Amino acid sequence: MLIPIVAILATQKWVNEKAKVSMKVFFDLFPVILFFIGFKLYDIFTATAIAIGATIAMIIYSKLRHGKVEKMLMINGVIITLLGGITLLLHDKTYIMWKPTVLYWLMATVLLISNLLFKKNLIQQMMGKMLNPPAHIWQKLNWLWITFLIVLGFVNIYVFQHYSEDAWVNFKLFGVTSMMFVFMIAQTLALKAYLIEPAD
């Protein structure tokens, strides 16, 4: 869910892309927003069921609307269905609290393995049409994303282990989202010299 947002955010300087950026961000955050609302109105178990349903609905919508489903959306759907389902079956909130960490670390692992074993830089593949830095910059950017995702996973663990359930839910929506945007804005500003100007 993180990487697709970054790829589009980098084009915010292009006016005709702003609407797409807003819709993409909302689409990616939709299950998290519903989880937050469900928790505030009911409890974490109801919120978990709502988030599972919302994610499955997004997968179905993407398939019907676009004829395909993004890999990260499908992976997110599998993880939340698995851990969320265990949460509901065992009535144990620990599993759904681990879900963000599992997702972040899985994404970091994919970036790492793709780079080391298959010599593919997935960040470059997703952002190559918008940025044109030298090869070593792409490598640094890939490692920066891997590090960021690993750290984000540890931060999630720290929050749910040391703070209240309510604080974790607030962090899940507002804290993580803020960290993502600060990271992405810093990244975009650092790479602005390599932005590819769109054709007229």
N, C-alpha and C. Protein backbone atom coordinates (compact mmCIF):
# COMPACT_ATOMS: atom_id res chain seq x y z
N MET A 1 0.81 -1.19 0.00
CA MET A 1 0.00 0.00 0.00
C MET A 1 0.85 1.25 0.00
N LEU A 2 2.00 1.30 0.63
CA LEU A 2 2.85 2.48 0.73
C LEU A 2 3.43 2.89 -0.61
N ILE A 3 4.05 1.92 -1.34
CA ILE A 3 4.83 2.23 -2.52
C ILE A 3 3.99 2.82 -3.64
N PRO A 4 2.78 2.29 -3.92
CA PRO A 4 1.96 2.92 -4.96
C PRO A 4 1.66 4.38 -4.65
N ILE A 5 1.47 4.74 -3.38
CA ILE A 5 1.20 6.13 -3.02
C ILE A 5 2.39 7.00 -3.38
N VAL A 6 3.59 6.52 -3.08
CA VAL A 6 4.80 7.28 -3.35
C VAL A 6 4.96 7.54 -4.84
N ALA A 7 4.72 6.51 -5.63
CA ALA A 7 4.90 6.63 -7.07
C ALA A 7 4.03 7.72 -7.65
N ILE A 8 2.83 7.88 -7.12
CA ILE A 8 1.91 8.90 -7.63
C ILE A 8 2.20 10.26 -6.99
N LEU A 9 2.58 10.25 -5.71
CA LEU A 9 2.83 11.51 -5.01
C LEU A 9 3.96 12.29 -5.67
N ALA A 10 4.91 11.58 -6.25
CA ALA A 10 6.04 12.24 -6.88
C ALA A 10 5.62 13.11 -8.05
N THR A 11 4.42 12.96 -8.57
CA THR A 11 3.95 13.72 -9.72
C THR A 11 2.99 14.85 -9.33
N GLN A 12 2.97 15.21 -8.07
CA GLN A 12 2.01 16.22 -7.62
C GLN A 12 2.23 17.57 -8.29
N LYS A 13 3.40 17.80 -8.81
CA LYS A 13 3.68 19.07 -9.48
C LYS A 13 2.88 19.18 -10.78
N TRP A 14 2.37 18.08 -11.23
CA TRP A 14 1.57 18.08 -12.46
C TRP A 14 0.11 18.25 -12.07
N VAL A 15 -0.45 19.36 -12.45
CA VAL A 15 -1.80 19.72 -12.01
C VAL A 15 -2.84 18.67 -12.39
N ASN A 16 -2.74 18.12 -13.59
CA ASN A 16 -3.76 17.18 -14.04
C ASN A 16 -3.69 15.84 -13.32
N GLU A 17 -2.70 15.64 -12.42
CA GLU A 17 -2.60 14.39 -11.68
C GLU A 17 -3.13 14.51 -10.26
N LYS A 18 -3.46 15.72 -9.83
CA LYS A 18 -3.83 15.93 -8.43
C LYS A 18 -5.08 15.14 -8.03
N ALA A 19 -6.05 15.08 -8.92
CA ALA A 19 -7.27 14.33 -8.60
C ALA A 19 -6.97 12.85 -8.45
N LYS A 20 -6.09 12.32 -9.30
CA LYS A 20 -5.70 10.92 -9.21
C LYS A 20 -4.97 10.64 -7.90
N VAL A 21 -4.13 11.56 -7.49
CA VAL A 21 -3.40 11.42 -6.22
C VAL A 21 -4.37 11.30 -5.06
N SER A 22 -5.34 12.21 -5.01
CA SER A 22 -6.31 12.23 -3.92
C SER A 22 -7.11 10.93 -3.88
N MET A 23 -7.55 10.47 -5.04
CA MET A 23 -8.34 9.25 -5.09
C MET A 23 -7.52 8.03 -4.69
N LYS A 24 -6.25 8.00 -5.11
CA LYS A 24 -5.38 6.87 -4.79
C LYS A 24 -5.12 6.80 -3.29
N VAL A 25 -4.82 7.95 -2.69
CA VAL A 25 -4.58 8.00 -1.25
C VAL A 25 -5.81 7.55 -0.49
N PHE A 26 -6.98 8.05 -0.89
CA PHE A 26 -8.22 7.67 -0.22
C PHE A 26 -8.49 6.19 -0.38
N PHE A 27 -8.26 5.66 -1.57
CA PHE A 27 -8.50 4.24 -1.85
C PHE A 27 -7.62 3.36 -0.96
N ASP A 28 -6.34 3.73 -0.83
CA ASP A 28 -5.41 2.95 -0.03
C ASP A 28 -5.74 3.03 1.46
N LEU A 29 -6.24 4.17 1.90
CA LEU A 29 -6.54 4.36 3.32
C LEU A 29 -7.96 3.94 3.70
N PHE A 30 -8.77 3.59 2.73
CA PHE A 30 -10.18 3.30 2.97
C PHE A 30 -10.40 2.26 4.07
N PRO A 31 -9.74 1.08 4.03
CA PRO A 31 -9.97 0.10 5.10
C PRO A 31 -9.51 0.60 6.46
N VAL A 32 -8.42 1.38 6.49
CA VAL A 32 -7.90 1.92 7.75
C VAL A 32 -8.88 2.92 8.35
N ILE A 33 -9.45 3.75 7.48
CA ILE A 33 -10.44 4.74 7.95
C ILE A 33 -11.67 4.04 8.51
N LEU A 34 -12.15 3.01 7.81
CA LEU A 34 -13.31 2.27 8.29
C LEU A 34 -13.00 1.52 9.59
N PHE A 35 -11.77 1.00 9.69
CA PHE A 35 -11.34 0.34 10.93
C PHE A 35 -11.40 1.33 12.09
N PHE A 36 -10.90 2.53 11.86
CA PHE A 36 -10.89 3.59 12.87
C PHE A 36 -12.32 3.92 13.31
N ILE A 37 -13.21 4.11 12.34
CA ILE A 37 -14.60 4.45 12.65
C ILE A 37 -15.28 3.31 13.40
N GLY A 38 -15.06 2.07 12.92
CA GLY A 38 -15.65 0.91 13.58
C GLY A 38 -15.20 0.76 15.01
N PHE A 39 -13.93 1.05 15.26
CA PHE A 39 -13.39 0.96 16.62
C PHE A 39 -14.02 2.03 17.52
N LYS A 40 -14.10 3.25 17.01
CA LYS A 40 -14.64 4.34 17.82
C LYS A 40 -16.13 4.13 18.14
N LEU A 41 -16.86 3.53 17.21
CA LEU A 41 -18.30 3.33 17.42
C LEU A 41 -18.61 2.04 18.17
N TYR A 42 -17.77 1.01 17.99
CA TYR A 42 -18.05 -0.29 18.60
C TYR A 42 -16.83 -0.79 19.39
N ASP A 43 -16.05 -1.69 18.79
CA ASP A 43 -14.85 -2.21 19.45
C ASP A 43 -13.88 -2.70 18.40
N ILE A 44 -12.74 -3.20 18.84
CA ILE A 44 -11.69 -3.60 17.90
C ILE A 44 -12.08 -4.81 17.07
N PHE A 45 -12.94 -5.67 17.60
CA PHE A 45 -13.34 -6.87 16.87
C PHE A 45 -14.32 -6.53 15.75
N THR A 46 -15.25 -5.63 16.04
CA THR A 46 -16.15 -5.15 14.99
C THR A 46 -15.36 -4.40 13.93
N ALA A 47 -14.41 -3.59 14.37
CA ALA A 47 -13.57 -2.84 13.44
C ALA A 47 -12.78 -3.79 12.54
N THR A 48 -12.30 -4.89 13.11
CA THR A 48 -11.55 -5.87 12.33
C THR A 48 -12.42 -6.50 11.25
N ALA A 49 -13.64 -6.86 11.61
CA ALA A 49 -14.57 -7.45 10.64
C ALA A 49 -14.88 -6.46 9.53
N ILE A 50 -15.05 -5.19 9.89
CA ILE A 50 -15.32 -4.15 8.89
C ILE A 50 -14.14 -3.99 7.94
N ALA A 51 -12.92 -3.99 8.50
CA ALA A 51 -11.72 -3.82 7.67
C ALA A 51 -11.54 -4.98 6.71
N ILE A 52 -11.82 -6.18 7.17
CA ILE A 52 -11.73 -7.36 6.29
C ILE A 52 -12.73 -7.22 5.15
N GLY A 53 -13.96 -6.88 5.48
CA GLY A 53 -15.00 -6.72 4.46
C GLY A 53 -14.66 -5.62 3.46
N ALA A 54 -14.12 -4.51 3.97
CA ALA A 54 -13.77 -3.38 3.10
C ALA A 54 -12.64 -3.76 2.14
N THR A 55 -11.65 -4.49 2.64
CA THR A 55 -10.52 -4.89 1.79
C THR A 55 -10.97 -5.87 0.71
N ILE A 56 -11.80 -6.83 1.08
CA ILE A 56 -12.33 -7.77 0.09
C ILE A 56 -13.16 -7.03 -0.96
N ALA A 57 -13.95 -6.05 -0.50
CA ALA A 57 -14.77 -5.27 -1.43
C ALA A 57 -13.88 -4.49 -2.40
N MET A 58 -12.74 -3.96 -1.91
CA MET A 58 -11.81 -3.23 -2.77
C MET A 58 -11.19 -4.15 -3.82
N ILE A 59 -10.89 -5.37 -3.42
CA ILE A 59 -10.32 -6.34 -4.37
C ILE A 59 -11.32 -6.66 -5.47
N ILE A 60 -12.56 -6.90 -5.07
CA ILE A 60 -13.62 -7.20 -6.04
C ILE A 60 -13.85 -6.00 -6.97
N TYR A 61 -13.89 -4.80 -6.41
CA TYR A 61 -14.09 -3.59 -7.20
C TYR A 61 -12.97 -3.42 -8.22
N SER A 62 -11.72 -3.61 -7.77
CA SER A 62 -10.58 -3.45 -8.68
C SER A 62 -10.63 -4.45 -9.82
N LYS A 63 -11.03 -5.66 -9.50
CA LYS A 63 -11.12 -6.69 -10.54
C LYS A 63 -12.21 -6.36 -11.55
N LEU A 64 -13.36 -5.92 -11.07
CA LEU A 64 -14.48 -5.60 -11.95
C LEU A 64 -14.23 -4.32 -12.73
N ARG A 65 -13.63 -3.33 -12.06
CA ARG A 65 -13.45 -2.01 -12.68
C ARG A 65 -12.25 -1.97 -13.62
N HIS A 66 -11.14 -2.59 -13.20
CA HIS A 66 -9.91 -2.49 -13.98
C HIS A 66 -9.47 -3.82 -14.60
N GLY A 67 -10.16 -4.89 -14.25
CA GLY A 67 -9.80 -6.18 -14.81
C GLY A 67 -8.60 -6.83 -14.16
N LYS A 68 -8.04 -6.20 -13.13
CA LYS A 68 -6.89 -6.75 -12.42
C LYS A 68 -6.86 -6.18 -11.00
N VAL A 69 -6.05 -6.80 -10.17
CA VAL A 69 -5.90 -6.36 -8.78
C VAL A 69 -4.42 -6.15 -8.52
N GLU A 70 -4.07 -4.99 -7.96
CA GLU A 70 -2.67 -4.72 -7.63
C GLU A 70 -2.16 -5.78 -6.66
N LYS A 71 -0.90 -6.16 -6.85
CA LYS A 71 -0.32 -7.20 -6.02
C LYS A 71 -0.34 -6.83 -4.54
N MET A 72 -0.04 -5.56 -4.23
CA MET A 72 0.00 -5.15 -2.83
C MET A 72 -1.38 -5.18 -2.20
N LEU A 73 -2.40 -4.86 -2.97
CA LEU A 73 -3.76 -4.92 -2.46
C LEU A 73 -4.14 -6.37 -2.18
N MET A 74 -3.75 -7.28 -3.07
CA MET A 74 -4.04 -8.69 -2.87
C MET A 74 -3.29 -9.24 -1.65
N ILE A 75 -2.02 -8.86 -1.51
CA ILE A 75 -1.23 -9.30 -0.36
C ILE A 75 -1.83 -8.77 0.93
N ASN A 76 -2.21 -7.49 0.91
CA ASN A 76 -2.84 -6.89 2.08
C ASN A 76 -4.14 -7.61 2.43
N GLY A 77 -4.89 -7.99 1.39
CA GLY A 77 -6.14 -8.70 1.61
C GLY A 77 -5.92 -10.06 2.26
N VAL A 78 -4.89 -10.78 1.80
CA VAL A 78 -4.59 -12.08 2.38
C VAL A 78 -4.18 -11.95 3.84
N ILE A 79 -3.31 -10.97 4.13
CA ILE A 79 -2.80 -10.80 5.50
C ILE A 79 -3.92 -10.40 6.46
N ILE A 80 -4.73 -9.42 6.05
CA ILE A 80 -5.78 -8.95 6.97
C ILE A 80 -6.87 -10.01 7.14
N THR A 81 -7.13 -10.78 6.08
CA THR A 81 -8.13 -11.85 6.21
C THR A 81 -7.62 -12.95 7.14
N LEU A 82 -6.34 -13.29 7.01
CA LEU A 82 -5.76 -14.33 7.85
C LEU A 82 -5.65 -13.90 9.31
N LEU A 83 -4.95 -12.79 9.55
CA LEU A 83 -4.75 -12.34 10.93
C LEU A 83 -6.05 -11.80 11.54
N GLY A 84 -6.85 -11.12 10.72
CA GLY A 84 -8.13 -10.62 11.21
C GLY A 84 -9.07 -11.76 11.52
N GLY A 85 -9.04 -12.80 10.67
CA GLY A 85 -9.89 -13.96 10.93
C GLY A 85 -9.51 -14.67 12.21
N ILE A 86 -8.19 -14.82 12.45
CA ILE A 86 -7.74 -15.43 13.71
C ILE A 86 -8.15 -14.57 14.91
N THR A 87 -8.04 -13.25 14.72
CA THR A 87 -8.46 -12.33 15.78
C THR A 87 -9.91 -12.56 16.17
N LEU A 88 -10.77 -12.70 15.17
CA LEU A 88 -12.20 -12.90 15.44
C LEU A 88 -12.49 -14.28 16.00
N LEU A 89 -11.80 -15.28 15.48
CA LEU A 89 -12.04 -16.65 15.95
C LEU A 89 -11.59 -16.85 17.40
N LEU A 90 -10.43 -16.32 17.73
CA LEU A 90 -9.88 -16.48 19.08
C LEU A 90 -10.25 -15.34 20.02
N HIS A 91 -10.87 -14.33 19.46
CA HIS A 91 -11.23 -13.13 20.22
C HIS A 91 -9.99 -12.55 20.92
N ASP A 92 -8.91 -12.48 20.13
CA ASP A 92 -7.61 -12.00 20.64
C ASP A 92 -7.12 -10.89 19.71
N LYS A 93 -7.09 -9.67 20.22
CA LYS A 93 -6.74 -8.51 19.41
C LYS A 93 -5.27 -8.47 19.00
N THR A 94 -4.42 -9.29 19.63
CA THR A 94 -2.99 -9.28 19.34
C THR A 94 -2.71 -9.52 17.87
N TYR A 95 -3.47 -10.42 17.25
CA TYR A 95 -3.19 -10.79 15.86
C TYR A 95 -3.42 -9.64 14.89
N ILE A 96 -4.52 -8.90 15.07
CA ILE A 96 -4.77 -7.77 14.17
C ILE A 96 -3.78 -6.65 14.43
N MET A 97 -3.28 -6.55 15.66
CA MET A 97 -2.28 -5.52 15.96
C MET A 97 -0.93 -5.83 15.29
N TRP A 98 -0.66 -7.10 15.04
CA TRP A 98 0.56 -7.49 14.35
C TRP A 98 0.46 -7.29 12.84
N LYS A 99 -0.75 -7.12 12.33
CA LYS A 99 -0.96 -7.06 10.89
C LYS A 99 -0.13 -5.98 10.19
N PRO A 100 -0.09 -4.73 10.66
CA PRO A 100 0.73 -3.73 9.98
C PRO A 100 2.20 -4.11 9.91
N THR A 101 2.72 -4.65 11.02
CA THR A 101 4.13 -5.05 11.04
C THR A 101 4.41 -6.15 10.03
N VAL A 102 3.54 -7.15 9.97
CA VAL A 102 3.70 -8.24 9.01
C VAL A 102 3.70 -7.69 7.58
N LEU A 103 2.80 -6.76 7.29
CA LEU A 103 2.72 -6.18 5.96
C LEU A 103 3.98 -5.39 5.61
N TYR A 104 4.43 -4.53 6.55
CA TYR A 104 5.62 -3.72 6.29
C TYR A 104 6.85 -4.60 6.08
N TRP A 105 7.02 -5.59 6.93
CA TRP A 105 8.20 -6.45 6.81
C TRP A 105 8.14 -7.33 5.57
N LEU A 106 6.95 -7.73 5.17
CA LEU A 106 6.82 -8.51 3.94
C LEU A 106 7.20 -7.66 2.73
N MET A 107 6.76 -6.40 2.72
CA MET A 107 7.11 -5.49 1.64
C MET A 107 8.62 -5.26 1.60
N ALA A 108 9.23 -5.08 2.77
CA ALA A 108 10.68 -4.89 2.83
C ALA A 108 11.41 -6.13 2.30
N THR A 109 10.90 -7.30 2.65
CA THR A 109 11.50 -8.55 2.19
C THR A 109 11.42 -8.69 0.67
N VAL A 110 10.27 -8.32 0.10
CA VAL A 110 10.10 -8.37 -1.35
C VAL A 110 11.10 -7.45 -2.05
N LEU A 111 11.26 -6.23 -1.52
CA LEU A 111 12.21 -5.29 -2.10
C LEU A 111 13.63 -5.83 -2.02
N LEU A 112 13.95 -6.44 -0.88
CA LEU A 112 15.30 -6.96 -0.66
C LEU A 112 15.61 -8.15 -1.57
N ILE A 113 14.71 -9.13 -1.59
CA ILE A 113 14.92 -10.33 -2.39
C ILE A 113 14.95 -10.00 -3.89
N SER A 114 14.05 -9.12 -4.32
CA SER A 114 14.02 -8.74 -5.73
C SER A 114 15.34 -8.12 -6.16
N ASN A 115 15.91 -7.33 -5.26
CA ASN A 115 17.16 -6.64 -5.58
C ASN A 115 18.36 -7.57 -5.54
N LEU A 116 18.46 -8.38 -4.48
CA LEU A 116 19.64 -9.20 -4.28
C LEU A 116 19.65 -10.47 -5.15
N LEU A 117 18.51 -11.12 -5.25
CA LEU A 117 18.46 -12.40 -5.96
C LEU A 117 18.10 -12.26 -7.44
N PHE A 118 17.20 -11.32 -7.74
CA PHE A 118 16.73 -11.20 -9.12
C PHE A 118 17.25 -9.95 -9.83
N LYS A 119 18.07 -9.16 -9.11
CA LYS A 119 18.67 -7.96 -9.69
C LYS A 119 17.62 -6.99 -10.24
N LYS A 120 16.49 -6.93 -9.56
CA LYS A 120 15.43 -6.02 -9.96
C LYS A 120 15.18 -5.00 -8.85
N ASN A 121 15.17 -3.76 -9.23
CA ASN A 121 14.88 -2.69 -8.28
C ASN A 121 13.41 -2.29 -8.48
N LEU A 122 12.54 -2.76 -7.59
CA LEU A 122 11.11 -2.52 -7.76
C LEU A 122 10.76 -1.04 -7.62
N ILE A 123 11.51 -0.31 -6.80
CA ILE A 123 11.27 1.12 -6.68
C ILE A 123 11.52 1.80 -8.02
N GLN A 124 12.60 1.42 -8.69
CA GLN A 124 12.92 1.97 -9.99
C GLN A 124 11.85 1.62 -11.02
N GLN A 125 11.34 0.40 -10.96
CA GLN A 125 10.31 -0.03 -11.90
C GLN A 125 9.04 0.79 -11.73
N MET A 126 8.72 1.13 -10.49
CA MET A 126 7.48 1.86 -10.24
C MET A 126 7.61 3.36 -10.45
N MET A 127 8.83 3.89 -10.28
CA MET A 127 9.00 5.34 -10.36
C MET A 127 9.86 5.77 -11.53
N GLY A 128 10.26 4.81 -12.36
CA GLY A 128 11.17 5.11 -13.46
C GLY A 128 10.63 6.07 -14.50
N LYS A 129 9.31 6.16 -14.63
CA LYS A 129 8.72 7.07 -15.61
C LYS A 129 8.66 8.50 -15.08
N MET A 130 8.92 8.68 -13.80
CA MET A 130 8.83 10.01 -13.22
C MET A 130 10.17 10.56 -12.75
N LEU A 131 11.12 9.64 -12.49
CA LEU A 131 12.44 10.05 -12.02
C LEU A 131 13.52 9.45 -12.90
N ASN A 132 14.62 10.16 -13.04
CA ASN A 132 15.71 9.66 -13.86
C ASN A 132 17.07 9.90 -13.19
N PRO A 133 17.25 9.37 -11.97
CA PRO A 133 18.53 9.52 -11.29
C PRO A 133 19.51 8.45 -11.76
N PRO A 134 20.79 8.58 -11.42
CA PRO A 134 21.77 7.53 -11.76
C PRO A 134 21.50 6.25 -10.99
N ALA A 135 22.12 5.16 -11.44
CA ALA A 135 21.84 3.83 -10.87
C ALA A 135 22.09 3.76 -9.38
N HIS A 136 23.15 4.40 -8.90
CA HIS A 136 23.46 4.30 -7.47
C HIS A 136 22.41 4.98 -6.60
N ILE A 137 21.74 5.98 -7.17
CA ILE A 137 20.66 6.65 -6.42
C ILE A 137 19.47 5.70 -6.28
N TRP A 138 19.17 4.94 -7.35
CA TRP A 138 18.08 3.96 -7.27
C TRP A 138 18.38 2.93 -6.20
N GLN A 139 19.62 2.49 -6.11
CA GLN A 139 19.99 1.51 -5.10
C GLN A 139 19.82 2.08 -3.69
N LYS A 140 20.26 3.30 -3.49
CA LYS A 140 20.11 3.94 -2.20
C LYS A 140 18.64 4.11 -1.84
N LEU A 141 17.83 4.46 -2.84
CA LEU A 141 16.40 4.66 -2.61
C LEU A 141 15.73 3.34 -2.22
N ASN A 142 16.13 2.26 -2.87
CA ASN A 142 15.59 0.94 -2.54
C ASN A 142 15.94 0.56 -1.10
N TRP A 143 17.20 0.76 -0.72
CA TRP A 143 17.62 0.44 0.65
C TRP A 143 16.96 1.37 1.67
N LEU A 144 16.72 2.61 1.27
CA LEU A 144 16.04 3.55 2.16
C LEU A 144 14.62 3.09 2.46
N TRP A 145 13.94 2.58 1.41
CA TRP A 145 12.58 2.07 1.60
C TRP A 145 12.57 0.82 2.47
N ILE A 146 13.53 -0.06 2.25
CA ILE A 146 13.63 -1.27 3.06
C ILE A 146 13.80 -0.91 4.53
N THR A 147 14.71 0.01 4.80
CA THR A 147 14.97 0.45 6.17
C THR A 147 13.74 1.09 6.80
N PHE A 148 13.09 1.96 6.04
CA PHE A 148 11.91 2.65 6.53
C PHE A 148 10.81 1.68 6.91
N LEU A 149 10.57 0.69 6.06
CA LEU A 149 9.51 -0.29 6.32
C LEU A 149 9.82 -1.15 7.54
N ILE A 150 11.10 -1.53 7.69
CA ILE A 150 11.49 -2.32 8.86
C ILE A 150 11.29 -1.51 10.13
N VAL A 151 11.73 -0.26 10.12
CA VAL A 151 11.56 0.62 11.28
C VAL A 151 10.09 0.81 11.60
N LEU A 152 9.28 1.02 10.57
CA LEU A 152 7.84 1.22 10.76
C LEU A 152 7.21 0.00 11.43
N GLY A 153 7.68 -1.19 11.07
CA GLY A 153 7.18 -2.41 11.70
C GLY A 153 7.51 -2.46 13.18
N PHE A 154 8.74 -2.09 13.53
CA PHE A 154 9.14 -2.08 14.94
C PHE A 154 8.38 -1.01 15.73
N VAL A 155 8.14 0.13 15.11
CA VAL A 155 7.39 1.20 15.78
C VAL A 155 5.98 0.72 16.10
N ASN A 156 5.35 0.01 15.16
CA ASN A 156 4.01 -0.52 15.40
C ASN A 156 3.99 -1.47 16.60
N ILE A 157 5.00 -2.35 16.66
CA ILE A 157 5.09 -3.28 17.80
C ILE A 157 5.23 -2.51 19.11
N TYR A 158 6.10 -1.52 19.11
CA TYR A 158 6.33 -0.74 20.33
C TYR A 158 5.04 -0.06 20.81
N VAL A 159 4.30 0.50 19.86
CA VAL A 159 3.08 1.24 20.23
C VAL A 159 2.04 0.30 20.82
N PHE A 160 1.78 -0.85 20.17
CA PHE A 160 0.71 -1.70 20.69
C PHE A 160 1.12 -2.45 21.96
N GLN A 161 2.43 -2.54 22.21
CA GLN A 161 2.87 -3.21 23.44
C GLN A 161 2.99 -2.26 24.64
N HIS A 162 3.15 -0.98 24.38
CA HIS A 162 3.40 -0.03 25.47
C HIS A 162 2.29 1.00 25.67
N TYR A 163 1.33 1.02 24.77
CA TYR A 163 0.26 2.01 24.89
C TYR A 163 -1.10 1.32 24.85
N SER A 164 -2.12 2.11 25.08
CA SER A 164 -3.47 1.56 25.14
C SER A 164 -3.97 1.16 23.75
N GLU A 165 -5.03 0.38 23.75
CA GLU A 165 -5.66 -0.04 22.50
C GLU A 165 -6.12 1.17 21.70
N ASP A 166 -6.69 2.14 22.39
CA ASP A 166 -7.17 3.35 21.73
C ASP A 166 -6.02 4.13 21.11
N ALA A 167 -4.90 4.22 21.83
CA ALA A 167 -3.73 4.93 21.32
C ALA A 167 -3.18 4.25 20.07
N TRP A 168 -3.19 2.91 20.07
CA TRP A 168 -2.69 2.18 18.90
C TRP A 168 -3.57 2.44 17.68
N VAL A 169 -4.88 2.45 17.86
CA VAL A 169 -5.79 2.70 16.74
C VAL A 169 -5.57 4.10 16.18
N ASN A 170 -5.39 5.08 17.07
CA ASN A 170 -5.11 6.44 16.62
C ASN A 170 -3.79 6.50 15.86
N PHE A 171 -2.79 5.80 16.39
CA PHE A 171 -1.48 5.77 15.73
C PHE A 171 -1.57 5.11 14.36
N LYS A 172 -2.36 4.06 14.27
CA LYS A 172 -2.50 3.30 13.02
C LYS A 172 -2.98 4.20 11.88
N LEU A 173 -3.89 5.10 12.18
CA LEU A 173 -4.40 6.00 11.14
C LEU A 173 -3.58 7.27 11.02
N PHE A 174 -3.43 7.99 12.13
CA PHE A 174 -2.80 9.30 12.07
C PHE A 174 -1.27 9.24 12.16
N GLY A 175 -0.75 8.39 13.05
CA GLY A 175 0.69 8.31 13.23
C GLY A 175 1.40 7.74 12.01
N VAL A 176 0.95 6.57 11.56
CA VAL A 176 1.59 5.93 10.40
C VAL A 176 1.43 6.78 9.15
N THR A 177 0.23 7.33 8.95
CA THR A 177 -0.01 8.16 7.77
C THR A 177 0.91 9.37 7.77
N SER A 178 1.08 10.00 8.94
CA SER A 178 1.97 11.16 9.04
C SER A 178 3.41 10.78 8.75
N MET A 179 3.85 9.65 9.29
CA MET A 179 5.22 9.19 9.04
C MET A 179 5.45 8.92 7.56
N MET A 180 4.45 8.32 6.91
CA MET A 180 4.56 8.03 5.49
C MET A 180 4.71 9.31 4.68
N PHE A 181 3.86 10.29 4.96
CA PHE A 181 3.87 11.51 4.18
C PHE A 181 5.13 12.33 4.41
N VAL A 182 5.61 12.38 5.64
CA VAL A 182 6.87 13.08 5.91
C VAL A 182 8.01 12.42 5.14
N PHE A 183 8.03 11.09 5.17
CA PHE A 183 9.07 10.34 4.45
C PHE A 183 8.98 10.58 2.95
N MET A 184 7.76 10.56 2.41
CA MET A 184 7.57 10.72 0.97
C MET A 184 7.89 12.15 0.52
N ILE A 185 7.49 13.13 1.32
CA ILE A 185 7.77 14.52 0.97
C ILE A 185 9.27 14.77 0.98
N ALA A 186 9.96 14.25 2.02
CA ALA A 186 11.41 14.40 2.10
C ALA A 186 12.08 13.74 0.90
N GLN A 187 11.59 12.57 0.53
CA GLN A 187 12.13 11.84 -0.61
C GLN A 187 11.92 12.61 -1.90
N THR A 188 10.72 13.15 -2.09
CA THR A 188 10.41 13.90 -3.31
C THR A 188 11.26 15.15 -3.42
N LEU A 189 11.44 15.87 -2.31
CA LEU A 189 12.26 17.07 -2.32
C LEU A 189 13.72 16.74 -2.60
N ALA A 190 14.20 15.64 -2.04
CA ALA A 190 15.59 15.26 -2.24
C ALA A 190 15.87 14.86 -3.69
N LEU A 191 14.83 14.35 -4.38
CA LEU A 191 15.01 13.86 -5.74
C LEU A 191 14.42 14.80 -6.79
N LYS A 192 14.04 16.01 -6.40
CA LYS A 192 13.36 16.90 -7.34
C LYS A 192 14.22 17.24 -8.56
N ALA A 193 15.54 17.18 -8.40
CA ALA A 193 16.43 17.47 -9.52
C ALA A 193 16.35 16.41 -10.61
N TYR A 194 15.82 15.24 -10.25
CA TYR A 194 15.74 14.13 -11.21
C TYR A 194 14.34 13.93 -11.76
N LEU A 195 13.40 14.81 -11.44
CA LEU A 195 12.05 14.68 -11.95
C LEU A 195 12.03 14.82 -13.46
N ILE A 196 11.27 13.94 -14.10
CA ILE A 196 11.13 14.00 -15.55
C ILE A 196 9.94 14.90 -15.88
N GLU A 197 10.18 15.92 -16.67
CA GLU A 197 9.12 16.85 -17.04
C GLU A 197 8.14 16.15 -17.98
N PRO A 198 6.83 16.29 -17.71
CA PRO A 198 5.83 15.66 -18.58
C PRO A 198 5.79 16.34 -19.95
N ALA A 199 5.44 15.56 -20.96
CA ALA A 199 5.33 16.13 -22.31
C ALA A 199 4.11 17.01 -22.39
N ASP A 200 4.12 18.01 -23.27
CA ASP A 200 2.99 18.90 -23.44
C ASP A 200 1.79 18.15 -23.97
